[in-house]
Amino acid sequence: MTYVIAEPCIGQKDASCVAVCPVDCIHPTQEEPGFAESEQLFIDPDECIDCDACAIACPVGAATNEDLLRPEWAHYRGKNEAFFAS
């Protein structure tokens, strides 16, 4: 089980979640290449420890446990995985 960043993050990229993540699994950070070009942030499913810190910190409700994703946001699971596939 992991957390997924979904649609409410598009265009927001508040990055509150990045600051509280204890395992630094949310990317791109503001310091990384590609931050400005990315529409949203992503959670690495292999690194996420399912701690809920990102969900609590997210002001727009974009970070969600994958088991609780709205059906219309289910494709964000794949988008998060794909970001880290390279």
PDB file of N, CA and C in Angstrom:
ATOM      1  N   MET A   1       0.844  -1.172   0.000  1.00  0.00           N
ATOM      2  CA  MET A   1       0.000   0.000   0.000  1.00  0.00           C
ATOM      3  C   MET A   1       0.892   1.239   0.000  1.00  0.00           C
ATOM      4  N   THR A   2       0.464   2.255  -0.710  1.00  0.00           N
ATOM      5  CA  THR A   2       1.231   3.497  -0.807  1.00  0.00           C
ATOM      6  C   THR A   2       0.276   4.670  -0.965  1.00  0.00           C
ATOM      7  N   TYR A   3       0.822   5.823  -0.924  1.00  0.00           N
ATOM      8  CA  TYR A   3       0.042   7.032  -1.181  1.00  0.00           C
ATOM      9  C   TYR A   3       0.275   7.471  -2.607  1.00  0.00           C
ATOM     10  N   VAL A   4      -0.712   8.151  -3.157  1.00  0.00           N
ATOM     11  CA  VAL A   4      -0.687   8.614  -4.539  1.00  0.00           C
ATOM     12  C   VAL A   4      -1.079  10.085  -4.543  1.00  0.00           C
ATOM     13  N   ILE A   5      -0.419  10.862  -5.377  1.00  0.00           N
ATOM     14  CA  ILE A   5      -0.813  12.255  -5.546  1.00  0.00           C
ATOM     15  C   ILE A   5      -1.707  12.321  -6.768  1.00  0.00           C
ATOM     16  N   ALA A   6      -2.894  12.895  -6.583  1.00  0.00           N
ATOM     17  CA  ALA A   6      -3.912  12.900  -7.624  1.00  0.00           C
ATOM     18  C   ALA A   6      -4.233  14.313  -8.117  1.00  0.00           C
ATOM     19  N   GLU A   7      -5.318  14.420  -8.821  1.00  0.00           N
ATOM     20  CA  GLU A   7      -5.711  15.605  -9.576  1.00  0.00           C
ATOM     21  C   GLU A   7      -5.641  16.950  -8.847  1.00  0.00           C
ATOM     22  N   PRO A   8      -6.000  17.040  -7.573  1.00  0.00           N
ATOM     23  CA  PRO A   8      -5.955  18.365  -6.943  1.00  0.00           C
ATOM     24  C   PRO A   8      -4.566  19.010  -6.950  1.00  0.00           C
ATOM     25  N   CYS A   9      -3.522  18.221  -7.168  1.00  0.00           N
ATOM     26  CA  CYS A   9      -2.159  18.772  -7.199  1.00  0.00           C
ATOM     27  C   CYS A   9      -1.852  19.477  -8.519  1.00  0.00           C
ATOM     28  N   ILE A  10      -2.566  19.115  -9.580  1.00  0.00           N
ATOM     29  CA  ILE A  10      -2.283  19.678 -10.901  1.00  0.00           C
ATOM     30  C   ILE A  10      -2.319  21.201 -10.823  1.00  0.00           C
ATOM     31  N   GLY A  11      -1.200  21.807 -11.175  1.00  0.00           N
ATOM     32  CA  GLY A  11      -1.094  23.258 -11.168  1.00  0.00           C
ATOM     33  C   GLY A  11      -0.854  23.866  -9.801  1.00  0.00           C
ATOM     34  N   GLN A  12      -0.904  23.070  -8.740  1.00  0.00           N
ATOM     35  CA  GLN A  12      -0.717  23.592  -7.385  1.00  0.00           C
ATOM     36  C   GLN A  12       0.725  23.430  -6.911  1.00  0.00           C
ATOM     37  N   LYS A  13       1.170  22.204  -6.841  1.00  0.00           N
ATOM     38  CA  LYS A  13       2.520  21.858  -6.371  1.00  0.00           C
ATOM     39  C   LYS A  13       2.907  22.651  -5.124  1.00  0.00           C
ATOM     40  N   ASP A  14       2.057  22.635  -4.131  1.00  0.00           N
ATOM     41  CA  ASP A  14       2.289  23.357  -2.878  1.00  0.00           C
ATOM     42  C   ASP A  14       3.585  22.925  -2.194  1.00  0.00           C
ATOM     43  N   ALA A  15       3.933  21.682  -2.278  1.00  0.00           N
ATOM     44  CA  ALA A  15       5.161  21.090  -1.727  1.00  0.00           C
ATOM     45  C   ALA A  15       5.173  20.986  -0.206  1.00  0.00           C
ATOM     46  N   SER A  16       4.057  21.218   0.457  1.00  0.00           N
ATOM     47  CA  SER A  16       3.991  20.978   1.904  1.00  0.00           C
ATOM     48  C   SER A  16       4.279  19.511   2.201  1.00  0.00           C
ATOM     49  N   CYS A  17       3.849  18.648   1.318  1.00  0.00           N
ATOM     50  CA  CYS A  17       4.055  17.216   1.491  1.00  0.00           C
ATOM     51  C   CYS A  17       5.540  16.854   1.441  1.00  0.00           C
ATOM     52  N   VAL A  18       6.282  17.529   0.586  1.00  0.00           N
ATOM     53  CA  VAL A  18       7.714  17.264   0.454  1.00  0.00           C
ATOM     54  C   VAL A  18       8.423  17.562   1.776  1.00  0.00           C
ATOM     55  N   ALA A  19       8.047  18.647   2.407  1.00  0.00           N
ATOM     56  CA  ALA A  19       8.690  19.072   3.652  1.00  0.00           C
ATOM     57  C   ALA A  19       8.470  18.102   4.801  1.00  0.00           C
ATOM     58  N   VAL A  20       7.357  17.375   4.811  1.00  0.00           N
ATOM     59  CA  VAL A  20       7.052  16.486   5.937  1.00  0.00           C
ATOM     60  C   VAL A  20       7.351  15.011   5.677  1.00  0.00           C
ATOM     61  N   CYS A  21       7.656  14.652   4.454  1.00  0.00           N
ATOM     62  CA  CYS A  21       7.899  13.238   4.133  1.00  0.00           C
ATOM     63  C   CYS A  21       9.184  12.749   4.816  1.00  0.00           C
ATOM     64  N   PRO A  22       9.073  11.755   5.712  1.00  0.00           N
ATOM     65  CA  PRO A  22      10.261  11.291   6.432  1.00  0.00           C
ATOM     66  C   PRO A  22      11.238  10.481   5.591  1.00  0.00           C
ATOM     67  N   VAL A  23      10.819  10.019   4.408  1.00  0.00           N
ATOM     68  CA  VAL A  23      11.707   9.213   3.565  1.00  0.00           C
ATOM     69  C   VAL A  23      12.026   9.888   2.231  1.00  0.00           C
ATOM     70  N   ASP A  24      11.665  11.136   2.093  1.00  0.00           N
ATOM     71  CA  ASP A  24      11.964  11.920   0.889  1.00  0.00           C
ATOM     72  C   ASP A  24      11.568  11.193  -0.407  1.00  0.00           C
ATOM     73  N   CYS A  25      10.318  10.718  -0.455  1.00  0.00           N
ATOM     74  CA  CYS A  25       9.880   9.958  -1.624  1.00  0.00           C
ATOM     75  C   CYS A  25       8.981  10.756  -2.560  1.00  0.00           C
ATOM     76  N   ILE A  26       8.865  12.073  -2.347  1.00  0.00           N
ATOM     77  CA  ILE A  26       8.000  12.904  -3.185  1.00  0.00           C
ATOM     78  C   ILE A  26       8.868  13.792  -4.065  1.00  0.00           C
ATOM     79  N   HIS A  27       8.615  13.697  -5.373  1.00  0.00           N
ATOM     80  CA  HIS A  27       9.447  14.405  -6.353  1.00  0.00           C
ATOM     81  C   HIS A  27       8.597  14.925  -7.495  1.00  0.00           C
ATOM     82  N   PRO A  28       9.059  15.830  -8.290  1.00  0.00           N
ATOM     83  CA  PRO A  28      10.304  16.569  -8.124  1.00  0.00           C
ATOM     84  C   PRO A  28      10.170  17.625  -7.035  1.00  0.00           C
ATOM     85  N   THR A  29      11.259  17.835  -6.300  1.00  0.00           N
ATOM     86  CA  THR A  29      11.273  18.899  -5.305  1.00  0.00           C
ATOM     87  C   THR A  29      11.568  20.217  -6.022  1.00  0.00           C
ATOM     88  N   GLN A  30      11.401  21.305  -5.323  1.00  0.00           N
ATOM     89  CA  GLN A  30      11.645  22.614  -5.922  1.00  0.00           C
ATOM     90  C   GLN A  30      13.105  22.786  -6.346  1.00  0.00           C
ATOM     91  N   GLU A  31      14.003  22.031  -5.736  1.00  0.00           N
ATOM     92  CA  GLU A  31      15.427  22.111  -6.059  1.00  0.00           C
ATOM     93  C   GLU A  31      15.839  21.198  -7.212  1.00  0.00           C
ATOM     94  N   GLU A  32      14.976  20.306  -7.633  1.00  0.00           N
ATOM     95  CA  GLU A  32      15.317  19.333  -8.669  1.00  0.00           C
ATOM     96  C   GLU A  32      14.983  19.836 -10.064  1.00  0.00           C
ATOM     97  N   PRO A  33      15.749  19.379 -11.044  1.00  0.00           N
ATOM     98  CA  PRO A  33      15.401  19.703 -12.430  1.00  0.00           C
ATOM     99  C   PRO A  33      14.024  19.139 -12.757  1.00  0.00           C
ATOM    100  N   GLY A  34      13.276  19.859 -13.530  1.00  0.00           N
ATOM    101  CA  GLY A  34      11.961  19.399 -13.955  1.00  0.00           C
ATOM    102  C   GLY A  34      10.818  19.866 -13.086  1.00  0.00           C
ATOM    103  N   PHE A  35      11.107  20.509 -11.953  1.00  0.00           N
ATOM    104  CA  PHE A  35      10.027  20.958 -11.080  1.00  0.00           C
ATOM    105  C   PHE A  35       9.102  21.934 -11.789  1.00  0.00           C
ATOM    106  N   ALA A  36       9.672  22.919 -12.443  1.00  0.00           N
ATOM    107  CA  ALA A  36       8.857  23.954 -13.104  1.00  0.00           C
ATOM    108  C   ALA A  36       8.021  23.362 -14.235  1.00  0.00           C
ATOM    109  N   GLU A  37       8.545  22.368 -14.911  1.00  0.00           N
ATOM    110  CA  GLU A  37       7.853  21.776 -16.055  1.00  0.00           C
ATOM    111  C   GLU A  37       6.779  20.763 -15.653  1.00  0.00           C
ATOM    112  N   SER A  38       6.921  20.185 -14.488  1.00  0.00           N
ATOM    113  CA  SER A  38       5.981  19.160 -14.039  1.00  0.00           C
ATOM    114  C   SER A  38       4.660  19.790 -13.605  1.00  0.00           C
ATOM    115  N   GLU A  39       3.556  19.181 -14.012  1.00  0.00           N
ATOM    116  CA  GLU A  39       2.233  19.674 -13.618  1.00  0.00           C
ATOM    117  C   GLU A  39       1.893  19.356 -12.173  1.00  0.00           C
ATOM    118  N   GLN A  40       2.530  18.319 -11.637  1.00  0.00           N
ATOM    119  CA  GLN A  40       2.193  17.853 -10.304  1.00  0.00           C
ATOM    120  C   GLN A  40       3.409  17.204  -9.659  1.00  0.00           C
ATOM    121  N   LEU A  41       3.273  16.829  -8.404  1.00  0.00           N
ATOM    122  CA  LEU A  41       4.291  16.074  -7.690  1.00  0.00           C
ATOM    123  C   LEU A  41       3.900  14.602  -7.700  1.00  0.00           C
ATOM    124  N   PHE A  42       4.867  13.735  -7.410  1.00  0.00           N
ATOM    125  CA  PHE A  42       4.641  12.295  -7.466  1.00  0.00           C
ATOM    126  C   PHE A  42       5.255  11.613  -6.252  1.00  0.00           C
ATOM    127  N   ILE A  43       4.636  10.531  -5.811  1.00  0.00           N
ATOM    128  CA  ILE A  43       5.128   9.737  -4.684  1.00  0.00           C
ATOM    129  C   ILE A  43       5.693   8.428  -5.218  1.00  0.00           C
ATOM    130  N   ASP A  44       6.934   8.137  -4.839  1.00  0.00           N
ATOM    131  CA  ASP A  44       7.592   6.900  -5.259  1.00  0.00           C
ATOM    132  C   ASP A  44       6.943   5.726  -4.514  1.00  0.00           C
ATOM    133  N   PRO A  45       6.257   4.832  -5.217  1.00  0.00           N
ATOM    134  CA  PRO A  45       5.557   3.734  -4.552  1.00  0.00           C
ATOM    135  C   PRO A  45       6.489   2.731  -3.876  1.00  0.00           C
ATOM    136  N   ASP A  46       7.739   2.666  -4.319  1.00  0.00           N
ATOM    137  CA  ASP A  46       8.692   1.739  -3.699  1.00  0.00           C
ATOM    138  C   ASP A  46       9.308   2.310  -2.422  1.00  0.00           C
ATOM    139  N   GLU A  47       9.265   3.617  -2.268  1.00  0.00           N
ATOM    140  CA  GLU A  47       9.875   4.262  -1.109  1.00  0.00           C
ATOM    141  C   GLU A  47       8.861   4.681  -0.046  1.00  0.00           C
ATOM    142  N   CYS A  48       7.608   4.885  -0.436  1.00  0.00           N
ATOM    143  CA  CYS A  48       6.572   5.352   0.491  1.00  0.00           C
ATOM    144  C   CYS A  48       6.384   4.353   1.631  1.00  0.00           C
ATOM    145  N   ILE A  49       6.352   4.875   2.862  1.00  0.00           N
ATOM    146  CA  ILE A  49       6.170   4.007   4.038  1.00  0.00           C
ATOM    147  C   ILE A  49       4.754   4.097   4.600  1.00  0.00           C
ATOM    148  N   ASP A  50       3.851   4.726   3.856  1.00  0.00           N
ATOM    149  CA  ASP A  50       2.435   4.753   4.224  1.00  0.00           C
ATOM    150  C   ASP A  50       2.208   5.407   5.593  1.00  0.00           C
ATOM    151  N   CYS A  51       2.902   6.529   5.819  1.00  0.00           N
ATOM    152  CA  CYS A  51       2.848   7.161   7.143  1.00  0.00           C
ATOM    153  C   CYS A  51       1.734   8.192   7.280  1.00  0.00           C
ATOM    154  N   ASP A  52       1.124   8.628   6.182  1.00  0.00           N
ATOM    155  CA  ASP A  52       0.018   9.577   6.198  1.00  0.00           C
ATOM    156  C   ASP A  52       0.446  11.044   6.349  1.00  0.00           C
ATOM    157  N   ALA A  53       1.744  11.307   6.511  1.00  0.00           N
ATOM    158  CA  ALA A  53       2.213  12.684   6.713  1.00  0.00           C
ATOM    159  C   ALA A  53       1.883  13.573   5.522  1.00  0.00           C
ATOM    160  N   CYS A  54       2.019  13.059   4.324  1.00  0.00           N
ATOM    161  CA  CYS A  54       1.744  13.858   3.122  1.00  0.00           C
ATOM    162  C   CYS A  54       0.268  14.216   3.031  1.00  0.00           C
ATOM    163  N   ALA A  55      -0.589  13.273   3.352  1.00  0.00           N
ATOM    164  CA  ALA A  55      -2.030  13.519   3.284  1.00  0.00           C
ATOM    165  C   ALA A  55      -2.451  14.583   4.294  1.00  0.00           C
ATOM    166  N   ILE A  56      -1.874  14.540   5.464  1.00  0.00           N
ATOM    167  CA  ILE A  56      -2.193  15.523   6.497  1.00  0.00           C
ATOM    168  C   ILE A  56      -1.701  16.904   6.090  1.00  0.00           C
ATOM    169  N   ALA A  57      -0.526  16.979   5.472  1.00  0.00           N
ATOM    170  CA  ALA A  57       0.083  18.267   5.118  1.00  0.00           C
ATOM    171  C   ALA A  57      -0.502  18.885   3.855  1.00  0.00           C
ATOM    172  N   CYS A  58      -1.076  18.098   2.978  1.00  0.00           N
ATOM    173  CA  CYS A  58      -1.535  18.614   1.680  1.00  0.00           C
ATOM    174  C   CYS A  58      -2.754  19.530   1.841  1.00  0.00           C
ATOM    175  N   PRO A  59      -2.618  20.797   1.463  1.00  0.00           N
ATOM    176  CA  PRO A  59      -3.724  21.736   1.642  1.00  0.00           C
ATOM    177  C   PRO A  59      -4.869  21.555   0.641  1.00  0.00           C
ATOM    178  N   VAL A  60      -4.634  20.770  -0.422  1.00  0.00           N
ATOM    179  CA  VAL A  60      -5.680  20.591  -1.433  1.00  0.00           C
ATOM    180  C   VAL A  60      -6.220  19.161  -1.479  1.00  0.00           C
ATOM    181  N   GLY A  61      -5.763  18.300  -0.577  1.00  0.00           N
ATOM    182  CA  GLY A  61      -6.274  16.930  -0.526  1.00  0.00           C
ATOM    183  C   GLY A  61      -5.851  16.058  -1.690  1.00  0.00           C
ATOM    184  N   ALA A  62      -4.669  16.311  -2.238  1.00  0.00           N
ATOM    185  CA  ALA A  62      -4.208  15.552  -3.396  1.00  0.00           C
ATOM    186  C   ALA A  62      -3.521  14.245  -3.025  1.00  0.00           C
ATOM    187  N   ALA A  63      -2.923  14.159  -1.854  1.00  0.00           N
ATOM    188  CA  ALA A  63      -2.227  12.945  -1.423  1.00  0.00           C
ATOM    189  C   ALA A  63      -3.238  12.020  -0.752  1.00  0.00           C
ATOM    190  N   THR A  64      -3.384  10.840  -1.331  1.00  0.00           N
ATOM    191  CA  THR A  64      -4.416   9.912  -0.884  1.00  0.00           C
ATOM    192  C   THR A  64      -3.871   8.494  -0.839  1.00  0.00           C
ATOM    193  N   ASN A  65      -4.283   7.739   0.139  1.00  0.00           N
ATOM    194  CA  ASN A  65      -3.943   6.331   0.185  1.00  0.00           C
ATOM    195  C   ASN A  65      -4.493   5.681  -1.082  1.00  0.00           C
ATOM    196  N   GLU A  66      -3.699   4.853  -1.732  1.00  0.00           N
ATOM    197  CA  GLU A  66      -4.127   4.268  -3.008  1.00  0.00           C
ATOM    198  C   GLU A  66      -5.422   3.479  -2.891  1.00  0.00           C
ATOM    199  N   ASP A  67      -5.681   2.917  -1.739  1.00  0.00           N
ATOM    200  CA  ASP A  67      -6.914   2.157  -1.544  1.00  0.00           C
ATOM    201  C   ASP A  67      -8.137   3.060  -1.414  1.00  0.00           C
ATOM    202  N   LEU A  68      -7.922   4.351  -1.204  1.00  0.00           N
ATOM    203  CA  LEU A  68      -9.022   5.295  -1.022  1.00  0.00           C
ATOM    204  C   LEU A  68      -9.172   6.268  -2.189  1.00  0.00           C
ATOM    205  N   LEU A  69      -8.435   6.021  -3.270  1.00  0.00           N
ATOM    206  CA  LEU A  69      -8.530   6.889  -4.443  1.00  0.00           C
ATOM    207  C   LEU A  69      -9.942   6.876  -5.015  1.00  0.00           C
ATOM    208  N   ARG A  70     -10.432   8.027  -5.383  1.00  0.00           N
ATOM    209  CA  ARG A  70     -11.718   8.081  -6.083  1.00  0.00           C
ATOM    210  C   ARG A  70     -11.570   7.315  -7.400  1.00  0.00           C
ATOM    211  N   PRO A  71     -12.622   6.664  -7.857  1.00  0.00           N
ATOM    212  CA  PRO A  71     -12.530   5.910  -9.115  1.00  0.00           C
ATOM    213  C   PRO A  71     -12.031   6.764 -10.287  1.00  0.00           C
ATOM    214  N   GLU A  72     -12.452   8.013 -10.344  1.00  0.00           N
ATOM    215  CA  GLU A  72     -12.028   8.866 -11.461  1.00  0.00           C
ATOM    216  C   GLU A  72     -10.558   9.296 -11.353  1.00  0.00           C
ATOM    217  N   TRP A  73      -9.932   9.027 -10.224  1.00  0.00           N
ATOM    218  CA  TRP A  73      -8.518   9.353 -10.040  1.00  0.00           C
ATOM    219  C   TRP A  73      -7.634   8.110 -10.058  1.00  0.00           C
ATOM    220  N   ALA A  74      -8.188   6.954 -10.309  1.00  0.00           N
ATOM    221  CA  ALA A  74      -7.427   5.701 -10.264  1.00  0.00           C
ATOM    222  C   ALA A  74      -6.218   5.716 -11.190  1.00  0.00           C
ATOM    223  N   HIS A  75      -6.314   6.415 -12.310  1.00  0.00           N
ATOM    224  CA  HIS A  75      -5.195   6.449 -13.258  1.00  0.00           C
ATOM    225  C   HIS A  75      -3.969   7.190 -12.703  1.00  0.00           C
ATOM    226  N   TYR A  76      -4.141   7.951 -11.630  1.00  0.00           N
ATOM    227  CA  TYR A  76      -2.993   8.633 -11.030  1.00  0.00           C
ATOM    228  C   TYR A  76      -2.036   7.649 -10.363  1.00  0.00           C
ATOM    229  N   ARG A  77      -2.513   6.483  -9.990  1.00  0.00           N
ATOM    230  CA  ARG A  77      -1.629   5.444  -9.462  1.00  0.00           C
ATOM    231  C   ARG A  77      -0.562   5.124 -10.507  1.00  0.00           C
ATOM    232  N   GLY A  78      -0.999   4.928 -11.748  1.00  0.00           N
ATOM    233  CA  GLY A  78      -0.066   4.632 -12.831  1.00  0.00           C
ATOM    234  C   GLY A  78       0.845   5.803 -13.163  1.00  0.00           C
ATOM    235  N   LYS A  79       0.311   7.019 -13.080  1.00  0.00           N
ATOM    236  CA  LYS A  79       1.143   8.204 -13.354  1.00  0.00           C
ATOM    237  C   LYS A  79       2.248   8.341 -12.321  1.00  0.00           C
ATOM    238  N   ASN A  80       1.946   8.067 -11.049  1.00  0.00           N
ATOM    239  CA  ASN A  80       2.969   8.127 -10.014  1.00  0.00           C
ATOM    240  C   ASN A  80       4.026   7.051 -10.237  1.00  0.00           C
ATOM    241  N   GLU A  81       3.608   5.843 -10.549  1.00  0.00           N
ATOM    242  CA  GLU A  81       4.550   4.750 -10.818  1.00  0.00           C
ATOM    243  C   GLU A  81       5.415   5.057 -12.036  1.00  0.00           C
ATOM    244  N   ALA A  82       4.805   5.576 -13.085  1.00  0.00           N
ATOM    245  CA  ALA A  82       5.530   5.859 -14.324  1.00  0.00           C
ATOM    246  C   ALA A  82       6.609   6.924 -14.125  1.00  0.00           C
ATOM    247  N   PHE A  83       6.346   7.891 -13.280  1.00  0.00           N
ATOM    248  CA  PHE A  83       7.337   8.950 -13.040  1.00  0.00           C
ATOM    249  C   PHE A  83       8.655   8.363 -12.536  1.00  0.00           C
ATOM    250  N   PHE A  84       8.583   7.290 -11.764  1.00  0.00           N
ATOM    251  CA  PHE A  84       9.786   6.685 -11.172  1.00  0.00           C
ATOM    252  C   PHE A  84      10.295   5.476 -11.951  1.00  0.00           C
ATOM    253  N   ALA A  85       9.670   5.132 -13.037  1.00  0.00           N
ATOM    254  CA  ALA A  85      10.028   3.931 -13.805  1.00  0.00           C
ATOM    255  C   ALA A  85      11.345   4.064 -14.580  1.00  0.00           C
ATOM    256  N   SER A  86      11.779   5.275 -14.832  1.00  0.00           N
ATOM    257  CA  SER A  86      12.989   5.431 -15.661  1.00  0.00           C
ATOM    258  C   SER A  86      14.271   5.156 -14.933  1.00  0.00           C
TER     259      SER A  86
END
